[in-house]
Amino acid sequence: MKKILIALVVLGIMLTGCAKEEVEKVDISELNSYRVDMSSYSGMNSVDHSFKGITPEEFLNAQKDGASGIFYLGYTGCHICQNAVSLMNEAAIQSGVYIYYIDCYNELYPLLDYEEDFIETLKPMLRKDENGKYGIYTPHVFAMVNGEYVDYEIGLGDYDGSEKAREKAINRYKEIMSYFIEAQ
């Protein structure tokens, strides 16, 4: 009996030591968003998706106001974005969250009008080009909690279209989304 009790205690300690650190989940702020048509992305349709459109100005205000959410910077002409959007959507559906989409080349809400503000605001997550200047690269997916960036991914890494790479990308996006509760 004593041996069984010791074995259970040791097993409990081992399992506790190997457990992934729990992420404190937070509510996602409800931002002023608009219905967005995602049908120009591969594998997407116009209405059945987890994306909400948001203007660059709305994002900058939300960040200053300490909002929380999942954000995606991209555009339909980006060939990597074409692959990433359906993977993000699948991760969002599995996670029960929405993604706020900032279209870099939206004719009504051009990001270029806010480029300097975006670069300054996003600087902790941005890459530098060969001249040492910060730039916005797409696809850029990030989680913001209370106005602070907590996780992000730029590009798709070594994505090659295989099932293994697909699952890896979806799991990475789910990891970014894991900061948020499912009710929105």
C-alpha atoms as a PDB file:
ATOM      1  CA  MET A   1       0.000   0.000   0.000  1.00  0.00           C
ATOM      2  CA  LYS A   2       2.834   2.349   0.924  1.00  0.00           C
ATOM      3  CA  LYS A   3       4.585   1.620  -2.402  1.00  0.00           C
ATOM      4  CA  ILE A   4       1.407   2.421  -4.352  1.00  0.00           C
ATOM      5  CA  LEU A   5       0.971   5.703  -2.478  1.00  0.00           C
ATOM      6  CA  ILE A   6       4.597   6.701  -3.142  1.00  0.00           C
ATOM      7  CA  ALA A   7       4.245   5.768  -6.817  1.00  0.00           C
ATOM      8  CA  LEU A   8       1.092   7.905  -7.119  1.00  0.00           C
ATOM      9  CA  VAL A   9       2.803  10.891  -5.469  1.00  0.00           C
ATOM     10  CA  VAL A  10       5.837  10.566  -7.764  1.00  0.00           C
ATOM     11  CA  LEU A  11       3.575  10.221 -10.816  1.00  0.00           C
ATOM     12  CA  GLY A  12       1.598  13.294  -9.753  1.00  0.00           C
ATOM     13  CA  ILE A  13       4.795  15.334  -9.362  1.00  0.00           C
ATOM     14  CA  MET A  14       6.064  14.179 -12.763  1.00  0.00           C
ATOM     15  CA  LEU A  15       2.789  15.054 -14.514  1.00  0.00           C
ATOM     16  CA  THR A  16       2.604  18.447 -12.832  1.00  0.00           C
ATOM     17  CA  GLY A  17       6.169  19.270 -13.815  1.00  0.00           C
ATOM     18  CA  CYS A  18       5.488  18.413 -17.464  1.00  0.00           C
ATOM     19  CA  ALA A  19       2.208  20.335 -17.777  1.00  0.00           C
ATOM     20  CA  LYS A  20       2.128  23.328 -20.088  1.00  0.00           C
ATOM     21  CA  GLU A  21       1.844  26.630 -18.287  1.00  0.00           C
ATOM     22  CA  GLU A  22      -1.792  27.735 -18.269  1.00  0.00           C
ATOM     23  CA  VAL A  23      -2.568  30.924 -20.139  1.00  0.00           C
ATOM     24  CA  GLU A  24      -4.894  33.310 -18.355  1.00  0.00           C
ATOM     25  CA  LYS A  25      -7.744  33.866 -20.773  1.00  0.00           C
ATOM     26  CA  VAL A  26      -9.318  37.268 -21.268  1.00  0.00           C
ATOM     27  CA  ASP A  27     -12.414  38.676 -22.929  1.00  0.00           C
ATOM     28  CA  ILE A  28     -11.910  40.098 -26.387  1.00  0.00           C
ATOM     29  CA  SER A  29     -12.916  43.723 -26.689  1.00  0.00           C
ATOM     30  CA  GLU A  30     -15.814  44.382 -29.025  1.00  0.00           C
ATOM     31  CA  LEU A  31     -14.378  46.804 -31.534  1.00  0.00           C
ATOM     32  CA  ASN A  32     -16.144  48.867 -34.159  1.00  0.00           C
ATOM     33  CA  SER A  33     -15.858  46.429 -37.060  1.00  0.00           C
ATOM     34  CA  TYR A  34     -17.547  45.926 -40.392  1.00  0.00           C
ATOM     35  CA  ARG A  35     -18.667  42.892 -42.361  1.00  0.00           C
ATOM     36  CA  VAL A  36     -15.825  41.822 -44.622  1.00  0.00           C
ATOM     37  CA  ASP A  37     -15.961  39.718 -47.784  1.00  0.00           C
ATOM     38  CA  MET A  38     -13.109  37.181 -47.697  1.00  0.00           C
ATOM     39  CA  SER A  39     -14.054  35.372 -50.926  1.00  0.00           C
ATOM     40  CA  SER A  40     -11.005  36.700 -52.789  1.00  0.00           C
ATOM     41  CA  TYR A  41      -8.845  34.503 -50.533  1.00  0.00           C
ATOM     42  CA  SER A  42      -8.275  30.855 -51.512  1.00  0.00           C
ATOM     43  CA  GLY A  43     -10.736  28.467 -49.920  1.00  0.00           C
ATOM     44  CA  MET A  44     -12.880  31.208 -48.379  1.00  0.00           C
ATOM     45  CA  ASN A  45     -16.396  32.403 -49.079  1.00  0.00           C
ATOM     46  CA  SER A  46     -18.004  35.789 -48.599  1.00  0.00           C
ATOM     47  CA  VAL A  47     -19.993  35.206 -45.415  1.00  0.00           C
ATOM     48  CA  ASP A  48     -19.059  32.033 -43.551  1.00  0.00           C
ATOM     49  CA  HIS A  49     -15.819  32.946 -41.804  1.00  0.00           C
ATOM     50  CA  SER A  50     -14.305  34.238 -38.559  1.00  0.00           C
ATOM     51  CA  PHE A  51     -13.038  37.609 -39.793  1.00  0.00           C
ATOM     52  CA  LYS A  52     -14.317  41.077 -38.950  1.00  0.00           C
ATOM     53  CA  GLY A  53     -13.043  44.084 -40.864  1.00  0.00           C
ATOM     54  CA  ILE A  54     -11.453  46.919 -38.906  1.00  0.00           C
ATOM     55  CA  THR A  55      -9.974  50.193 -40.123  1.00  0.00           C
ATOM     56  CA  PRO A  56      -6.369  51.176 -39.428  1.00  0.00           C
ATOM     57  CA  GLU A  57      -7.622  54.129 -37.391  1.00  0.00           C
ATOM     58  CA  GLU A  58      -9.916  51.903 -35.319  1.00  0.00           C
ATOM     59  CA  PHE A  59      -7.001  49.570 -34.597  1.00  0.00           C
ATOM     60  CA  LEU A  60      -4.710  52.413 -33.497  1.00  0.00           C
ATOM     61  CA  ASN A  61      -7.436  53.797 -31.221  1.00  0.00           C
ATOM     62  CA  ALA A  62      -8.146  50.337 -29.810  1.00  0.00           C
ATOM     63  CA  GLN A  63      -4.473  49.766 -29.038  1.00  0.00           C
ATOM     64  CA  LYS A  64      -4.240  53.128 -27.236  1.00  0.00           C
ATOM     65  CA  ASP A  65      -7.442  52.330 -25.317  1.00  0.00           C
ATOM     66  CA  GLY A  66      -6.046  48.982 -24.099  1.00  0.00           C
ATOM     67  CA  ALA A  67      -8.231  46.669 -26.184  1.00  0.00           C
ATOM     68  CA  SER A  68      -7.755  42.934 -26.580  1.00  0.00           C
ATOM     69  CA  GLY A  69      -8.141  40.777 -29.665  1.00  0.00           C
ATOM     70  CA  ILE A  70      -6.656  38.748 -32.494  1.00  0.00           C
ATOM     71  CA  PHE A  71      -5.554  40.859 -35.462  1.00  0.00           C
ATOM     72  CA  TYR A  72      -4.493  40.042 -38.996  1.00  0.00           C
ATOM     73  CA  LEU A  73      -2.631  42.414 -41.311  1.00  0.00           C
ATOM     74  CA  GLY A  74      -2.640  41.273 -44.905  1.00  0.00           C
ATOM     75  CA  TYR A  75      -4.064  41.673 -48.379  1.00  0.00           C
ATOM     76  CA  THR A  76      -5.436  39.500 -51.153  1.00  0.00           C
ATOM     77  CA  GLY A  77      -2.474  40.111 -53.486  1.00  0.00           C
ATOM     78  CA  CYS A  78      -0.065  38.509 -51.000  1.00  0.00           C
ATOM     79  CA  HIS A  79       0.508  34.896 -52.117  1.00  0.00           C
ATOM     80  CA  ILE A  80       1.463  33.803 -48.582  1.00  0.00           C
ATOM     81  CA  CYS A  81      -1.693  35.467 -47.209  1.00  0.00           C
ATOM     82  CA  GLN A  82      -3.706  33.424 -49.705  1.00  0.00           C
ATOM     83  CA  ASN A  83      -2.585  30.237 -47.928  1.00  0.00           C
ATOM     84  CA  ALA A  84      -2.622  31.675 -44.413  1.00  0.00           C
ATOM     85  CA  VAL A  85      -6.182  33.018 -44.298  1.00  0.00           C
ATOM     86  CA  SER A  86      -7.936  29.648 -44.602  1.00  0.00           C
ATOM     87  CA  LEU A  87      -5.576  28.207 -41.953  1.00  0.00           C
ATOM     88  CA  MET A  88      -6.272  31.163 -39.628  1.00  0.00           C
ATOM     89  CA  ASN A  89      -9.991  30.736 -40.219  1.00  0.00           C
ATOM     90  CA  GLU A  90      -9.856  27.042 -39.314  1.00  0.00           C
ATOM     91  CA  ALA A  91      -7.897  27.829 -36.141  1.00  0.00           C
ATOM     92  CA  ALA A  92     -10.369  30.593 -35.226  1.00  0.00           C
ATOM     93  CA  ILE A  93     -13.352  28.288 -35.717  1.00  0.00           C
ATOM     94  CA  GLN A  94     -11.718  25.603 -33.549  1.00  0.00           C
ATOM     95  CA  SER A  95     -10.814  28.232 -30.923  1.00  0.00           C
ATOM     96  CA  GLY A  96     -14.183  30.000 -30.986  1.00  0.00           C
ATOM     97  CA  VAL A  97     -12.725  33.459 -31.688  1.00  0.00           C
ATOM     98  CA  TYR A  98     -12.946  36.190 -34.301  1.00  0.00           C
ATOM     99  CA  ILE A  99     -10.015  37.776 -36.079  1.00  0.00           C
ATOM    100  CA  TYR A 100      -9.957  41.512 -36.732  1.00  0.00           C
ATOM    101  CA  TYR A 101      -8.734  41.984 -40.296  1.00  0.00           C
ATOM    102  CA  ILE A 102      -6.839  45.090 -41.389  1.00  0.00           C
ATOM    103  CA  ASP A 103      -6.621  45.048 -45.181  1.00  0.00           C
ATOM    104  CA  CYS A 104      -3.350  46.743 -46.082  1.00  0.00           C
ATOM    105  CA  TYR A 105      -4.727  47.936 -49.431  1.00  0.00           C
ATOM    106  CA  ASN A 106      -8.368  48.679 -48.652  1.00  0.00           C
ATOM    107  CA  GLU A 107      -9.431  51.514 -50.970  1.00  0.00           C
ATOM    108  CA  LEU A 108     -11.735  53.083 -48.367  1.00  0.00           C
ATOM    109  CA  TYR A 109      -9.359  52.723 -45.398  1.00  0.00           C
ATOM    110  CA  PRO A 110      -5.802  52.680 -46.772  1.00  0.00           C
ATOM    111  CA  LEU A 111      -3.143  51.564 -44.321  1.00  0.00           C
ATOM    112  CA  LEU A 112      -0.629  53.770 -46.139  1.00  0.00           C
ATOM    113  CA  ASP A 113      -2.354  56.807 -44.608  1.00  0.00           C
ATOM    114  CA  TYR A 114      -1.315  55.456 -41.183  1.00  0.00           C
ATOM    115  CA  GLU A 115       1.936  53.685 -42.064  1.00  0.00           C
ATOM    116  CA  GLU A 116       4.211  55.703 -39.740  1.00  0.00           C
ATOM    117  CA  ASP A 117       1.806  55.285 -36.809  1.00  0.00           C
ATOM    118  CA  PHE A 118       1.522  51.555 -37.503  1.00  0.00           C
ATOM    119  CA  ILE A 119       5.265  51.096 -37.664  1.00  0.00           C
ATOM    120  CA  GLU A 120       5.729  52.959 -34.383  1.00  0.00           C
ATOM    121  CA  THR A 121       2.887  51.065 -32.691  1.00  0.00           C
ATOM    122  CA  LEU A 122       3.883  47.628 -33.983  1.00  0.00           C
ATOM    123  CA  LYS A 123       7.643  48.115 -33.650  1.00  0.00           C
ATOM    124  CA  PRO A 124       8.074  45.425 -30.940  1.00  0.00           C
ATOM    125  CA  MET A 125       6.910  42.833 -33.484  1.00  0.00           C
ATOM    126  CA  LEU A 126       8.284  44.161 -36.765  1.00  0.00           C
ATOM    127  CA  ARG A 127      11.224  42.995 -38.825  1.00  0.00           C
ATOM    128  CA  LYS A 128      13.900  45.253 -40.220  1.00  0.00           C
ATOM    129  CA  ASP A 129      14.800  45.299 -43.894  1.00  0.00           C
ATOM    130  CA  GLU A 130      18.348  45.110 -45.285  1.00  0.00           C
ATOM    131  CA  ASN A 131      18.749  48.863 -44.605  1.00  0.00           C
ATOM    132  CA  GLY A 132      17.752  48.554 -40.950  1.00  0.00           C
ATOM    133  CA  LYS A 133      14.318  50.140 -41.461  1.00  0.00           C
ATOM    134  CA  TYR A 134      11.239  48.619 -39.848  1.00  0.00           C
ATOM    135  CA  GLY A 135       8.621  47.355 -42.262  1.00  0.00           C
ATOM    136  CA  ILE A 136       5.208  45.754 -42.216  1.00  0.00           C
ATOM    137  CA  TYR A 137       5.368  42.216 -43.619  1.00  0.00           C
ATOM    138  CA  THR A 138       2.368  40.011 -44.288  1.00  0.00           C
ATOM    139  CA  PRO A 139       0.665  37.870 -43.266  1.00  0.00           C
ATOM    140  CA  HIS A 140       1.030  39.258 -39.763  1.00  0.00           C
ATOM    141  CA  VAL A 141      -1.190  37.715 -37.081  1.00  0.00           C
ATOM    142  CA  PHE A 142      -0.995  38.859 -33.487  1.00  0.00           C
ATOM    143  CA  ALA A 143      -2.724  38.749 -30.133  1.00  0.00           C
ATOM    144  CA  MET A 144      -3.108  41.916 -28.100  1.00  0.00           C
ATOM    145  CA  VAL A 145      -4.216  41.849 -24.459  1.00  0.00           C
ATOM    146  CA  ASN A 146      -5.115  45.138 -22.801  1.00  0.00           C
ATOM    147  CA  GLY A 147      -3.227  47.045 -25.496  1.00  0.00           C
ATOM    148  CA  GLU A 148      -0.048  44.957 -25.141  1.00  0.00           C
ATOM    149  CA  TYR A 149       1.212  42.484 -27.738  1.00  0.00           C
ATOM    150  CA  VAL A 150       1.503  38.997 -26.269  1.00  0.00           C
ATOM    151  CA  ASP A 151       2.170  36.768 -29.276  1.00  0.00           C
ATOM    152  CA  TYR A 152       2.537  37.023 -33.033  1.00  0.00           C
ATOM    153  CA  GLU A 153       3.499  35.282 -36.242  1.00  0.00           C
ATOM    154  CA  ILE A 154       4.725  36.835 -39.483  1.00  0.00           C
ATOM    155  CA  GLY A 155       4.598  34.694 -42.607  1.00  0.00           C
ATOM    156  CA  LEU A 156       4.031  30.964 -42.639  1.00  0.00           C
ATOM    157  CA  GLY A 157       7.513  29.713 -41.851  1.00  0.00           C
ATOM    158  CA  ASP A 158       8.353  26.546 -43.740  1.00  0.00           C
ATOM    159  CA  TYR A 159       4.788  25.938 -44.961  1.00  0.00           C
ATOM    160  CA  ASP A 160       4.860  23.686 -48.027  1.00  0.00           C
ATOM    161  CA  GLY A 161       1.185  22.767 -48.356  1.00  0.00           C
ATOM    162  CA  SER A 162       1.609  19.286 -46.859  1.00  0.00           C
ATOM    163  CA  GLU A 163      -0.837  18.016 -44.250  1.00  0.00           C
ATOM    164  CA  LYS A 164       1.908  18.112 -41.612  1.00  0.00           C
ATOM    165  CA  ALA A 165       2.746  21.769 -42.420  1.00  0.00           C
ATOM    166  CA  ARG A 166      -0.961  22.627 -42.496  1.00  0.00           C
ATOM    167  CA  GLU A 167      -1.526  21.181 -39.015  1.00  0.00           C
ATOM    168  CA  LYS A 168       1.597  22.915 -37.722  1.00  0.00           C
ATOM    169  CA  ALA A 169       0.360  26.296 -39.003  1.00  0.00           C
ATOM    170  CA  ILE A 170      -3.142  25.782 -37.596  1.00  0.00           C
ATOM    171  CA  ASN A 171      -1.698  24.790 -34.219  1.00  0.00           C
ATOM    172  CA  ARG A 172       0.530  27.876 -34.214  1.00  0.00           C
ATOM    173  CA  TYR A 173      -2.454  30.115 -34.917  1.00  0.00           C
ATOM    174  CA  LYS A 174      -4.444  28.349 -32.181  1.00  0.00           C
ATOM    175  CA  GLU A 175      -1.567  29.021 -29.808  1.00  0.00           C
ATOM    176  CA  ILE A 176      -1.782  32.749 -30.608  1.00  0.00           C
ATOM    177  CA  MET A 177      -5.553  32.611 -30.082  1.00  0.00           C
ATOM    178  CA  SER A 178      -5.270  30.725 -26.782  1.00  0.00           C
ATOM    179  CA  TYR A 179      -5.220  33.943 -24.762  1.00  0.00           C
ATOM    180  CA  PHE A 180      -8.919  34.480 -25.306  1.00  0.00           C
ATOM    181  CA  ILE A 181     -12.100  32.955 -23.984  1.00  0.00           C
ATOM    182  CA  GLU A 182     -14.471  31.370 -26.441  1.00  0.00           C
ATOM    183  CA  ALA A 183     -17.490  33.609 -25.825  1.00  0.00           C
ATOM    184  CA  GLN A 184     -17.555  36.619 -28.123  1.00  0.00           C
END
